[in-house]
Amino acid sequence: MRKRIVLFAAFLLAAGFSATALAESYTDGIDYYKSGQPERAKIILTKTLNDPTTYKAEAYYYLGESEFALGNKEAAKGYYNNGVASDANYPFNYVGLGKLLLDNPATQKEASSNFKQAVKLAKKANSAAGVNTDIARAYFEAGMPDYKKYLNDALKFDDRYAPAYVLQGDIYAKENNSGEAAGMYEMAHSFDSGCIEAYVKYALLHYPINPRFATAKLEELLRGHPSSAIAQRELAEAYFNAGRFNDAVSAYARYMANPNHFASDRARYAALLYFDKKYEESLTLIEKALPEEPDNLILNRFAMYDNFALENYEQAADFGKAFMNNPANAKFLTSQDYIIYGGALKKIDRPEEYVAALEAAVKADPSKPEVYKELSDAYGSAGQMIKSADTMAKYMEMIEDEVKTADFYSLGKIYYQAAQDTAQVLEERIALFQKADSLFTIVTERAPENYLGFFWRARANTGMDPETETGLAKPYYEKVIAMLEAEGNTGSSVIEAYRYMGYYYYLKEYDANMKGTLKGYPETKKWWNKILAINPEDSIKDAMSQLD
């Protein structure tokens, strides 16, 4: 039932920190717990709990496991119950609730009931081996021999289930039988190269005897799982303990734990506070740390991020300028860095620099559709509407079936704005109005109940018929009027529609008056009087006075 979700999150880049350093989201916390580091597991699981990609039932379970390992049984109980509330069919939280009851003979029967419920659900969820392994671990940690039955059951369901061998390794390790323990850990990662805790425990077991071999195993783990935080941290410690300080500095910069004995801790903590949206606390920490580490990439990055989040745009731009223009940082800059920096430049009205920042963002990661959307906005802010439109079109091409009605609407408006450039010849402007109209047509098809698609079709068609010779916009303004009058809307959109209709009929009725086939302007007055009924002082009042 494990849901491993890979996300892009290369925010903590520092010297030697590759862009894959943060990608595992809440599953990194699970890896920390399974590798025997519940404190770090708790930090990551708490931080990522409300991420949209986090499977909360699983996250709550491992939060409960972490608290249990730390001796906080009441907190553990709360998380297990939260997990059941989040997904009552996820079996593991029942294991946790049962485990809490094992230390009291009076509640052991209830514990067994919870375990049976977990096993029952596990069979439906195809996670029987995992549930039985966790129940076995619960009994083993409680010092009860029942663990043997559940461990056997786990292997009956899957005789290659890696965590079951990890548990056997842990049992041997507790018995100080390091040879058998190592064999079980090795078997576990041979059965499943994704069993990170098997690698970690295997390496840690070997390190006192053969540090070079242990380090090689951790390097192997990191090659297979370059985004694993626990792999990064353990390899960093192995380098440090072996006196390989240059390697250790690079490795420490990559891992995303929170070891209190390292100088980079403040930077990591500042990052965690930022991700937890505690921007003031993060910035306060950074301001204290920067005098001691003025060139620390992480501190400078999050000084920019925090200031931007706090709407201190001038300060964000200042930090960004120093941070982004430092040659030493060049190879570690991410598209997100450029986006935040560009956003600050936009807010302080420096559009050309905003464009440059977003162009750099696309160059840093041309695979991210959302960066093209930001670049389109940057071009728009700088008045480069054709580039804005083309870039928005590229964004929509990249996301294919995920294109929203709002995207078609936005692109239509960009083409419409591009057509307003009077420096272009009329044919070019009309071609842009046609593109806008085609996009607004899609909006009307996707959202026929919303007047805006018809309203902007009317405007685009007005652009294609600048002298109102053919009345191209007329059917769309009529549609807008019908929709808005039906809901009693008397805003600027319906007034614009009345104005157009009145002018359209004015041209017709003027010609008829000149030819003597009509006297007066009945249709013109009809529409313009509708405007005056809403706003008696509208400028159309002067035009009306000249009709008699």
Protein backbone atom coordinates (compact mmCIF):
# COMPACT_ATOMS: atom_id res chain seq x y z
CA MET A 1 0.00 0.00 0.00
CA ARG A 2 3.09 2.16 0.02
CA LYS A 3 2.55 5.13 -2.26
CA ARG A 4 5.91 6.50 -3.37
CA ILE A 5 5.48 9.89 -4.95
CA VAL A 6 8.33 11.71 -6.62
CA LEU A 7 8.06 15.49 -6.54
CA PHE A 8 10.32 18.24 -7.73
CA ALA A 9 11.62 20.25 -4.76
CA ALA A 10 15.19 21.37 -5.42
CA PHE A 11 15.03 24.28 -2.98
CA LEU A 12 17.95 23.37 -0.75
CA LEU A 13 20.71 23.36 -3.32
CA ALA A 14 24.11 24.21 -1.94
CA ALA A 15 27.70 23.53 -2.98
CA GLY A 16 27.65 20.06 -4.48
CA PHE A 17 23.89 19.64 -3.92
CA SER A 18 22.31 18.23 -7.07
CA ALA A 19 18.80 19.04 -8.21
CA THR A 20 17.61 15.60 -7.16
CA ALA A 21 18.28 16.20 -3.49
CA LEU A 22 14.68 16.80 -2.55
CA ALA A 23 12.16 14.70 -4.40
CA GLU A 24 10.69 12.11 -2.08
CA SER A 25 8.31 14.27 -0.08
CA TYR A 26 6.77 12.50 2.92
CA THR A 27 8.26 9.14 1.95
CA ASP A 28 11.68 10.43 3.02
CA GLY A 29 10.24 10.59 6.54
CA ILE A 30 9.16 6.98 6.26
CA ASP A 31 12.67 6.00 5.22
CA TYR A 32 14.10 7.82 8.24
CA TYR A 33 11.73 5.99 10.59
CA LYS A 34 12.42 2.56 9.10
CA SER A 35 16.14 3.20 9.36
CA GLY A 36 15.85 3.87 13.09
CA GLN A 37 15.76 7.69 13.14
CA PRO A 38 12.30 8.64 14.42
CA GLU A 39 13.19 12.23 15.34
CA ARG A 40 14.14 13.11 11.79
CA ALA A 41 11.19 11.10 10.50
CA LYS A 42 8.87 13.20 12.65
CA ILE A 43 10.28 16.47 11.27
CA ILE A 44 9.77 15.52 7.63
CA LEU A 45 6.41 13.82 8.09
CA THR A 46 5.07 16.81 10.01
CA LYS A 47 6.37 19.23 7.40
CA THR A 48 4.87 17.37 4.47
CA LEU A 49 1.63 16.20 6.10
CA ASN A 50 -0.57 18.68 4.27
CA ASP A 51 1.14 18.44 0.89
CA PRO A 52 -1.44 17.59 -1.79
CA THR A 53 0.50 14.47 -2.78
CA THR A 54 0.84 13.11 0.76
CA TYR A 55 -1.17 9.96 1.49
CA LYS A 56 -2.28 11.04 4.93
CA ALA A 57 -3.28 7.67 6.32
CA GLU A 58 0.24 6.40 5.70
CA ALA A 59 1.88 9.61 6.94
CA TYR A 60 -0.15 9.51 10.16
CA TYR A 61 0.85 5.89 10.73
CA TYR A 62 4.56 6.67 10.51
CA LEU A 63 4.12 9.78 12.61
CA GLY A 64 2.53 7.50 15.20
CA GLU A 65 5.38 5.03 14.84
CA SER A 66 7.92 7.82 15.27
CA GLU A 67 6.22 9.11 18.41
CA PHE A 68 5.95 5.58 19.79
CA ALA A 69 9.68 5.04 19.22
CA LEU A 70 10.35 8.34 21.01
CA GLY A 71 8.27 7.21 23.99
CA ASN A 72 5.35 9.54 23.30
CA LYS A 73 2.53 7.02 23.38
CA GLU A 74 -0.34 9.49 23.70
CA ALA A 75 0.89 11.41 20.70
CA ALA A 76 1.28 8.12 18.83
CA LYS A 77 -2.31 7.17 19.65
CA GLY A 78 -3.54 10.48 18.31
CA TYR A 79 -1.76 9.97 15.01
CA TYR A 80 -2.96 6.39 14.60
CA ASN A 81 -6.54 7.55 15.21
CA ASN A 82 -6.06 10.37 12.73
CA GLY A 83 -4.88 7.79 10.23
CA VAL A 84 -8.00 5.67 10.73
CA ALA A 85 -10.15 8.79 10.32
CA SER A 86 -8.28 9.67 7.14
CA ASP A 87 -8.73 6.22 5.57
CA ALA A 88 -10.45 3.53 7.57
CA ASN A 89 -9.42 0.91 5.00
CA TYR A 90 -5.70 1.54 5.44
CA PRO A 91 -4.74 -1.37 7.70
CA PHE A 92 -1.52 -0.22 9.33
CA ASN A 93 -3.00 2.28 11.77
CA TYR A 94 -4.88 -0.60 13.41
CA VAL A 95 -1.48 -2.23 13.92
CA GLY A 96 -0.34 0.90 15.71
CA LEU A 97 -3.42 1.05 17.91
CA GLY A 98 -2.95 -2.60 18.79
CA LYS A 99 0.71 -2.11 19.63
CA LEU A 100 -0.21 0.50 22.24
CA LEU A 101 -2.21 -2.12 24.12
CA LEU A 102 0.39 -4.87 24.33
CA ASP A 103 2.15 -3.70 27.49
CA ASN A 104 -0.94 -4.29 29.64
CA PRO A 105 -2.25 -7.87 30.02
CA ALA A 106 -5.75 -6.47 30.52
CA THR A 107 -5.75 -4.90 27.05
CA GLN A 108 -3.88 -7.55 25.07
CA LYS A 109 -7.12 -9.11 23.86
CA GLU A 110 -8.18 -5.75 22.44
CA ALA A 111 -4.75 -5.47 20.84
CA SER A 112 -5.32 -8.80 19.12
CA SER A 113 -8.67 -7.55 17.80
CA ASN A 114 -6.95 -4.55 16.24
CA PHE A 115 -4.36 -6.80 14.63
CA LYS A 116 -7.08 -9.08 13.22
CA GLN A 117 -8.83 -6.05 11.74
CA ALA A 118 -5.54 -4.97 10.15
CA VAL A 119 -4.96 -8.44 8.67
CA LYS A 120 -8.51 -8.55 7.32
CA LEU A 121 -8.12 -5.19 5.60
CA ALA A 122 -4.63 -6.10 4.38
CA LYS A 123 -5.94 -9.05 2.41
CA LYS A 124 -8.25 -6.72 0.52
CA ALA A 125 -5.50 -4.17 -0.02
CA ASN A 126 -2.88 -6.71 -1.09
CA SER A 127 -0.60 -5.69 1.77
CA ALA A 128 -0.80 -8.78 3.92
CA ALA A 129 2.96 -9.34 4.03
CA GLY A 130 3.54 -5.79 5.23
CA VAL A 131 0.84 -5.84 7.88
CA ASN A 132 1.93 -9.19 9.28
CA THR A 133 5.54 -7.98 9.38
CA ASP A 134 4.57 -4.87 11.33
CA ILE A 135 2.47 -6.92 13.76
CA ALA A 136 5.43 -9.24 14.22
CA ARG A 137 7.64 -6.25 14.98
CA ALA A 138 5.11 -4.97 17.51
CA TYR A 139 5.12 -8.29 19.38
CA PHE A 140 8.91 -8.57 19.17
CA GLU A 141 9.43 -5.07 20.58
CA ALA A 142 6.98 -5.91 23.36
CA GLY A 143 9.08 -8.99 24.21
CA MET A 144 6.30 -11.41 23.27
CA PRO A 145 6.95 -14.64 21.31
CA ASP A 146 3.81 -14.18 19.19
CA TYR A 147 6.02 -12.34 16.71
CA LYS A 148 7.14 -15.67 15.24
CA LYS A 149 3.65 -16.58 14.01
CA TYR A 150 3.12 -13.25 12.26
CA LEU A 151 6.60 -13.24 10.75
CA ASN A 152 5.94 -16.71 9.34
CA ASP A 153 2.59 -15.53 8.03
CA ALA A 154 4.25 -12.56 6.32
CA LEU A 155 6.68 -14.86 4.51
CA LYS A 156 3.84 -17.20 3.52
CA PHE A 157 2.22 -14.31 1.71
CA ASP A 158 5.51 -13.26 0.11
CA ASP A 159 8.72 -15.18 0.74
CA ARG A 160 10.72 -12.38 -0.89
CA TYR A 161 9.21 -9.55 1.16
CA ALA A 162 12.25 -7.43 2.05
CA PRO A 163 10.99 -5.75 5.26
CA ALA A 164 10.37 -9.19 6.79
CA TYR A 165 14.08 -9.95 6.34
CA VAL A 166 14.96 -6.55 7.76
CA LEU A 167 12.95 -7.46 10.87
CA GLN A 168 14.85 -10.75 11.14
CA GLY A 169 18.06 -8.79 10.84
CA ASP A 170 16.95 -6.49 13.63
CA ILE A 171 16.16 -9.52 15.81
CA TYR A 172 19.63 -10.96 15.25
CA ALA A 173 21.21 -7.56 15.81
CA LYS A 174 19.49 -7.27 19.17
CA GLU A 175 20.90 -10.67 20.03
CA ASN A 176 24.37 -9.35 19.07
CA ASN A 177 24.56 -11.84 16.21
CA SER A 178 25.93 -9.36 13.69
CA GLY A 179 26.84 -12.00 11.11
CA GLU A 180 23.29 -13.34 10.81
CA ALA A 181 21.90 -9.80 10.99
CA ALA A 182 24.11 -8.69 8.09
CA GLY A 183 23.01 -11.71 6.08
CA MET A 184 19.34 -10.83 6.56
CA TYR A 185 19.87 -7.19 5.60
CA GLU A 186 21.80 -8.24 2.51
CA MET A 187 19.03 -10.64 1.55
CA ALA A 188 16.46 -7.88 1.99
CA HIS A 189 18.12 -5.44 -0.39
CA SER A 190 18.87 -8.24 -2.86
CA PHE A 191 15.14 -9.00 -2.98
CA ASP A 192 14.17 -5.32 -3.21
CA SER A 193 16.65 -2.62 -4.21
CA GLY A 194 14.07 -0.09 -3.05
CA CYS A 195 14.37 -1.29 0.56
CA ILE A 196 16.46 1.65 1.68
CA GLU A 197 16.50 0.73 5.35
CA ALA A 198 18.13 -2.61 4.51
CA TYR A 199 21.07 -0.81 2.87
CA VAL A 200 21.39 1.66 5.74
CA LYS A 201 21.30 -0.97 8.48
CA TYR A 202 23.64 -3.23 6.53
CA ALA A 203 26.18 -0.43 6.10
CA LEU A 204 25.98 0.73 9.71
CA LEU A 205 26.51 -2.83 10.89
CA HIS A 206 29.65 -3.16 8.75
CA TYR A 207 31.11 0.28 9.37
CA PRO A 208 33.03 -0.48 12.59
CA ILE A 209 34.61 -3.52 10.93
CA ASN A 210 35.11 -2.37 7.34
CA PRO A 211 34.33 1.33 6.84
CA ARG A 212 35.43 1.30 3.21
CA PHE A 213 33.01 -1.50 2.38
CA ALA A 214 30.18 0.17 4.34
CA THR A 215 30.78 3.47 2.53
CA ALA A 216 30.75 1.69 -0.82
CA LYS A 217 27.35 0.19 0.03
CA LEU A 218 26.01 3.66 0.88
CA GLU A 219 27.39 5.02 -2.39
CA GLU A 220 25.61 2.17 -4.16
CA LEU A 221 22.42 3.09 -2.34
CA LEU A 222 22.72 6.73 -3.32
CA ARG A 223 23.34 5.86 -6.96
CA GLY A 224 20.13 3.86 -6.96
CA HIS A 225 18.21 6.46 -4.94
CA PRO A 226 19.81 9.86 -5.63
CA SER A 227 16.86 11.71 -4.10
CA SER A 228 16.78 9.76 -0.85
CA ALA A 229 17.47 12.00 2.13
CA ILE A 230 18.49 9.13 4.40
CA ALA A 231 20.93 7.85 1.78
CA GLN A 232 22.47 11.32 1.50
CA ARG A 233 22.77 11.74 5.27
CA GLU A 234 24.26 8.34 6.01
CA LEU A 235 26.81 8.65 3.23
CA ALA A 236 27.73 12.11 4.53
CA GLU A 237 28.33 10.70 8.00
CA ALA A 238 30.34 7.83 6.58
CA TYR A 239 32.58 10.28 4.73
CA PHE A 240 32.94 12.43 7.83
CA ASN A 241 33.81 9.48 10.09
CA ALA A 242 36.34 8.26 7.55
CA GLY A 243 38.04 11.67 7.47
CA ARG A 244 37.02 12.28 3.84
CA PHE A 245 36.14 15.86 4.61
CA ASN A 246 35.85 17.19 1.06
CA ASP A 247 33.40 14.44 0.19
CA ALA A 248 31.63 14.98 3.50
CA VAL A 249 31.08 18.70 2.86
CA SER A 250 29.49 17.94 -0.50
CA ALA A 251 27.36 15.13 0.89
CA TYR A 252 26.18 17.08 3.92
CA ALA A 253 24.96 19.83 1.62
CA ARG A 254 22.73 17.34 -0.16
CA TYR A 255 20.90 15.65 2.59
CA MET A 256 17.75 17.09 4.06
CA ALA A 257 17.84 16.01 7.65
CA ASN A 258 18.33 18.18 10.69
CA PRO A 259 21.50 17.06 12.54
CA ASN A 260 22.06 19.52 15.37
CA HIS A 261 25.83 19.10 15.42
CA PHE A 262 26.49 20.52 11.94
CA ALA A 263 27.00 24.14 10.96
CA SER A 264 24.43 23.82 8.20
CA ASP A 265 21.67 23.11 10.69
CA ARG A 266 20.43 26.68 10.82
CA ALA A 267 20.08 26.79 7.07
CA ARG A 268 18.14 23.54 7.08
CA TYR A 269 15.92 24.69 9.89
CA ALA A 270 15.30 27.99 8.14
CA ALA A 271 14.21 26.01 5.09
CA LEU A 272 11.86 23.85 7.12
CA LEU A 273 10.31 26.94 8.66
CA TYR A 274 9.83 28.40 5.18
CA PHE A 275 8.13 25.22 3.95
CA ASP A 276 5.93 25.37 7.04
CA LYS A 277 4.99 28.94 6.03
CA LYS A 278 6.59 30.38 9.17
CA TYR A 279 8.30 33.07 7.17
CA GLU A 280 8.98 35.51 9.99
CA GLU A 281 10.65 32.83 12.11
CA SER A 282 12.66 31.62 9.14
CA LEU A 283 13.85 35.12 8.27
CA THR A 284 14.77 35.90 11.89
CA LEU A 285 16.91 32.76 11.99
CA ILE A 286 18.57 33.65 8.70
CA GLU A 287 19.35 37.20 9.81
CA LYS A 288 21.16 35.77 12.85
CA ALA A 289 23.07 33.21 10.81
CA LEU A 290 24.11 35.25 7.77
CA PRO A 291 26.81 37.36 9.53
CA GLU A 292 28.61 34.12 10.33
CA GLU A 293 27.97 32.51 6.93
CA PRO A 294 27.50 35.42 4.49
CA ASP A 295 28.08 33.24 1.43
CA ASN A 296 25.87 30.35 2.51
CA LEU A 297 23.76 29.60 -0.54
CA ILE A 298 20.81 28.15 1.37
CA LEU A 299 20.63 31.09 3.78
CA ASN A 300 20.72 33.61 0.94
CA ARG A 301 18.20 31.68 -1.11
CA PHE A 302 15.67 31.59 1.71
CA ALA A 303 16.32 35.19 2.66
CA MET A 304 15.00 35.99 -0.83
CA TYR A 305 12.14 33.49 -0.54
CA ASP A 306 11.07 34.65 2.92
CA ASN A 307 11.12 38.32 2.00
CA PHE A 308 9.07 37.60 -1.10
CA ALA A 309 6.53 35.62 0.91
CA LEU A 310 6.33 38.49 3.42
CA GLU A 311 5.82 40.97 0.54
CA ASN A 312 9.12 42.70 1.27
CA TYR A 313 9.73 42.91 -2.45
CA GLU A 314 12.59 45.43 -2.44
CA GLN A 315 14.51 43.30 0.08
CA ALA A 316 13.73 40.12 -1.86
CA ALA A 317 15.08 41.73 -5.03
CA ASP A 318 18.21 42.91 -3.21
CA PHE A 319 18.94 39.45 -1.81
CA GLY A 320 18.14 37.96 -5.21
CA LYS A 321 20.53 40.29 -7.01
CA ALA A 322 23.42 39.36 -4.72
CA PHE A 323 22.52 35.68 -4.61
CA MET A 324 21.72 35.20 -8.29
CA ASN A 325 24.70 37.21 -9.59
CA ASN A 326 27.31 35.47 -7.46
CA PRO A 327 29.40 33.41 -9.94
CA ALA A 328 30.00 30.79 -7.25
CA ASN A 329 26.27 30.04 -7.18
CA ALA A 330 25.71 29.87 -10.93
CA LYS A 331 25.62 26.10 -11.36
CA PHE A 332 23.31 25.62 -8.36
CA LEU A 333 20.54 28.03 -9.35
CA THR A 334 17.12 26.51 -10.00
CA SER A 335 14.19 27.62 -12.09
CA GLN A 336 12.32 28.35 -8.84
CA ASP A 337 15.07 30.77 -7.80
CA TYR A 338 14.59 32.72 -11.01
CA ILE A 339 10.81 32.64 -10.63
CA ILE A 340 10.92 34.09 -7.11
CA TYR A 341 13.51 36.68 -8.10
CA GLY A 342 11.49 37.58 -11.18
CA GLY A 343 8.34 37.85 -9.09
CA ALA A 344 10.04 40.38 -6.81
CA LEU A 345 11.23 42.39 -9.82
CA LYS A 346 7.70 42.40 -11.19
CA LYS A 347 6.32 43.72 -7.92
CA ILE A 348 8.76 46.65 -7.89
CA ASP A 349 8.01 47.45 -11.53
CA ARG A 350 11.21 46.34 -13.25
CA PRO A 351 9.61 44.47 -16.18
CA GLU A 352 12.67 44.07 -18.38
CA GLU A 353 14.62 42.44 -15.55
CA TYR A 354 11.55 40.32 -14.80
CA VAL A 355 11.68 39.04 -18.37
CA ALA A 356 15.40 38.26 -18.10
CA ALA A 357 14.86 36.33 -14.86
CA LEU A 358 12.06 34.21 -16.32
CA GLU A 359 13.98 33.54 -19.51
CA ALA A 360 16.74 32.20 -17.25
CA ALA A 361 14.15 30.11 -15.40
CA VAL A 362 13.12 28.42 -18.65
CA LYS A 363 16.76 27.86 -19.56
CA ALA A 364 17.40 26.30 -16.13
CA ASP A 365 14.53 23.83 -16.57
CA PRO A 366 12.83 23.83 -19.98
CA SER A 367 10.78 20.77 -19.01
CA LYS A 368 8.54 22.59 -16.52
CA PRO A 369 5.35 23.88 -18.17
CA GLU A 370 4.54 26.28 -15.32
CA VAL A 371 7.76 28.20 -15.97
CA TYR A 372 6.55 29.02 -19.49
CA LYS A 373 3.34 30.35 -18.02
CA GLU A 374 5.36 32.63 -15.73
CA LEU A 375 7.49 33.75 -18.66
CA SER A 376 4.35 34.57 -20.62
CA ASP A 377 3.28 36.83 -17.74
CA ALA A 378 6.74 38.43 -17.73
CA TYR A 379 6.53 39.24 -21.44
CA GLY A 380 3.06 40.66 -20.88
CA SER A 381 4.32 42.90 -18.08
CA ALA A 382 7.00 44.21 -20.42
CA GLY A 383 4.46 44.87 -23.16
CA GLN A 384 5.88 42.14 -25.40
CA MET A 385 2.49 40.70 -26.18
CA ILE A 386 3.36 38.54 -29.18
CA LYS A 387 6.08 36.80 -27.17
CA SER A 388 3.65 36.52 -24.27
CA ALA A 389 1.08 34.83 -26.51
CA ASP A 390 3.56 32.47 -28.14
CA THR A 391 4.94 31.43 -24.75
CA MET A 392 1.48 30.88 -23.31
CA ALA A 393 0.68 28.74 -26.35
CA LYS A 394 3.85 26.72 -25.66
CA TYR A 395 2.70 26.18 -22.06
CA MET A 396 -0.69 24.92 -23.25
CA GLU A 397 0.95 22.63 -25.79
CA MET A 398 3.08 21.10 -23.02
CA ILE A 399 0.18 20.36 -20.67
CA GLU A 400 -2.03 18.98 -23.47
CA ASP A 401 -5.21 17.46 -22.02
CA GLU A 402 -4.81 19.41 -18.78
CA VAL A 403 -5.46 22.75 -20.48
CA LYS A 404 -8.19 24.61 -18.60
CA THR A 405 -10.90 26.86 -19.95
CA ALA A 406 -9.18 29.71 -18.12
CA ASP A 407 -6.02 29.04 -20.15
CA PHE A 408 -7.87 29.50 -23.43
CA TYR A 409 -9.43 32.64 -22.01
CA SER A 410 -6.06 34.02 -20.89
CA LEU A 411 -4.40 33.31 -24.24
CA GLY A 412 -7.30 34.92 -26.07
CA LYS A 413 -6.91 38.09 -24.01
CA ILE A 414 -3.16 38.14 -24.69
CA TYR A 415 -3.75 37.96 -28.44
CA TYR A 416 -6.43 40.63 -28.07
CA GLN A 417 -3.97 42.90 -26.25
CA ALA A 418 -1.31 42.19 -28.89
CA ALA A 419 -3.76 43.35 -31.54
CA GLN A 420 -4.07 46.74 -29.84
CA ASP A 421 -0.58 47.69 -31.04
CA THR A 422 -1.35 50.34 -33.63
CA ALA A 423 2.22 50.16 -34.94
CA GLN A 424 1.17 47.00 -36.78
CA VAL A 425 -0.53 47.12 -40.15
CA LEU A 426 -4.28 46.49 -40.09
CA GLU A 427 -3.96 43.03 -41.64
CA GLU A 428 -1.62 41.91 -38.87
CA ARG A 429 -3.94 43.29 -36.20
CA ILE A 430 -6.95 41.57 -37.73
CA ALA A 431 -5.03 38.27 -37.81
CA LEU A 432 -4.38 38.62 -34.08
CA PHE A 433 -8.03 39.47 -33.41
CA GLN A 434 -8.95 36.31 -35.34
CA LYS A 435 -6.65 34.21 -33.14
CA ALA A 436 -8.22 35.79 -30.07
CA ASP A 437 -11.71 35.07 -31.42
CA SER A 438 -10.88 31.41 -32.06
CA LEU A 439 -9.79 31.03 -28.45
CA PHE A 440 -12.82 32.83 -27.05
CA THR A 441 -14.96 30.54 -29.22
CA ILE A 442 -13.50 27.57 -27.33
CA VAL A 443 -14.37 29.35 -24.07
CA THR A 444 -18.01 29.71 -25.17
CA GLU A 445 -18.11 26.02 -26.07
CA ARG A 446 -16.61 24.94 -22.77
CA ALA A 447 -18.51 27.41 -20.59
CA PRO A 448 -21.69 28.41 -22.49
CA GLU A 449 -23.33 29.58 -19.27
CA ASN A 450 -20.68 32.27 -18.72
CA TYR A 451 -21.11 35.51 -20.63
CA LEU A 452 -17.38 36.34 -20.70
CA GLY A 453 -16.57 34.14 -23.68
CA PHE A 454 -19.28 35.85 -25.75
CA PHE A 455 -18.26 39.26 -24.42
CA TRP A 456 -14.67 38.83 -25.57
CA ARG A 457 -15.78 37.36 -28.88
CA ALA A 458 -17.71 40.60 -29.30
CA ARG A 459 -14.61 42.66 -28.59
CA ALA A 460 -12.44 40.57 -30.90
CA ASN A 461 -14.98 40.86 -33.70
CA THR A 462 -15.18 44.59 -33.12
CA GLY A 463 -11.43 44.65 -33.78
CA MET A 464 -11.95 42.75 -37.02
CA ASP A 465 -14.63 45.25 -38.05
CA PRO A 466 -13.11 48.53 -36.81
CA GLU A 467 -15.55 50.75 -38.76
CA THR A 468 -18.57 48.64 -37.73
CA GLU A 469 -19.35 48.18 -41.39
CA THR A 470 -20.66 44.64 -41.14
CA GLY A 471 -21.60 44.40 -37.47
CA LEU A 472 -19.46 41.33 -36.82
CA ALA A 473 -19.71 41.85 -33.07
CA LYS A 474 -23.49 42.32 -33.06
CA PRO A 475 -24.62 38.69 -32.43
CA TYR A 476 -22.17 38.32 -29.56
CA TYR A 477 -23.15 41.56 -27.86
CA GLU A 478 -26.78 40.50 -28.28
CA LYS A 479 -25.95 37.23 -26.53
CA VAL A 480 -24.21 39.14 -23.72
CA ILE A 481 -27.22 41.43 -23.32
CA ALA A 482 -29.63 38.52 -23.14
CA MET A 483 -27.53 36.75 -20.51
CA LEU A 484 -26.83 39.80 -18.34
CA GLU A 485 -30.36 41.24 -18.51
CA ALA A 486 -31.71 37.85 -17.45
CA GLU A 487 -29.74 38.10 -14.23
CA GLY A 488 -30.34 41.81 -13.70
CA ASN A 489 -26.71 42.75 -14.26
CA THR A 490 -26.24 46.47 -14.91
CA GLY A 491 -22.45 46.57 -14.87
CA SER A 492 -19.94 47.93 -17.35
CA SER A 493 -20.16 44.90 -19.66
CA VAL A 494 -23.85 45.34 -20.45
CA ILE A 495 -23.35 49.10 -20.84
CA GLU A 496 -20.59 48.41 -23.38
CA ALA A 497 -22.94 46.09 -25.25
CA TYR A 498 -25.72 48.74 -25.29
CA ARG A 499 -23.23 51.32 -26.53
CA TYR A 500 -22.13 49.08 -29.38
CA MET A 501 -25.70 48.23 -30.38
CA GLY A 502 -26.67 51.88 -30.35
CA TYR A 503 -23.69 52.84 -32.51
CA TYR A 504 -24.35 49.98 -34.92
CA TYR A 505 -27.91 51.19 -35.44
CA TYR A 506 -26.83 54.83 -35.51
CA LEU A 507 -24.72 54.14 -38.62
CA LYS A 508 -27.64 52.35 -40.29
CA GLU A 509 -30.18 54.97 -39.31
CA TYR A 510 -27.89 57.85 -40.27
CA ASP A 511 -27.63 56.51 -43.82
CA ALA A 512 -31.40 55.99 -43.95
CA ASN A 513 -31.99 59.55 -42.74
CA MET A 514 -29.63 60.91 -45.39
CA LYS A 515 -31.50 58.96 -48.05
CA GLY A 516 -34.85 60.09 -46.71
CA THR A 517 -36.09 56.57 -46.08
CA LEU A 518 -36.23 57.07 -42.31
CA LYS A 519 -36.86 59.96 -39.99
CA GLY A 520 -35.23 59.87 -36.58
CA TYR A 521 -33.14 57.27 -34.77
CA PRO A 522 -35.54 54.90 -32.99
CA GLU A 523 -33.19 51.89 -32.60
CA THR A 524 -30.23 54.06 -31.66
CA LYS A 525 -32.24 55.78 -28.96
CA LYS A 526 -33.62 52.48 -27.73
CA TRP A 527 -30.15 51.15 -26.92
CA TRP A 528 -28.59 54.35 -25.67
CA ASN A 529 -31.56 55.06 -23.43
CA LYS A 530 -30.85 51.75 -21.76
CA ILE A 531 -27.46 53.20 -20.79
CA LEU A 532 -29.02 56.36 -19.41
CA ALA A 533 -31.49 54.29 -17.42
CA ILE A 534 -28.50 52.83 -15.59
CA ASN A 535 -26.39 56.00 -15.48
CA PRO A 536 -28.16 59.23 -16.41
CA GLU A 537 -24.84 61.09 -16.55
CA ASP A 538 -23.12 58.72 -18.95
CA SER A 539 -21.22 60.44 -21.77
CA ILE A 540 -23.71 58.96 -24.24
CA LYS A 541 -26.08 61.68 -23.04
CA ASP A 542 -24.28 64.25 -25.23
CA ALA A 543 -24.54 62.03 -28.31
CA MET A 544 -28.25 61.51 -27.64
CA SER A 545 -28.84 65.25 -27.53
CA GLN A 546 -27.63 65.54 -31.12
CA LEU A 547 -30.03 62.97 -32.50
CA ASP A 548 -33.07 65.29 -32.50
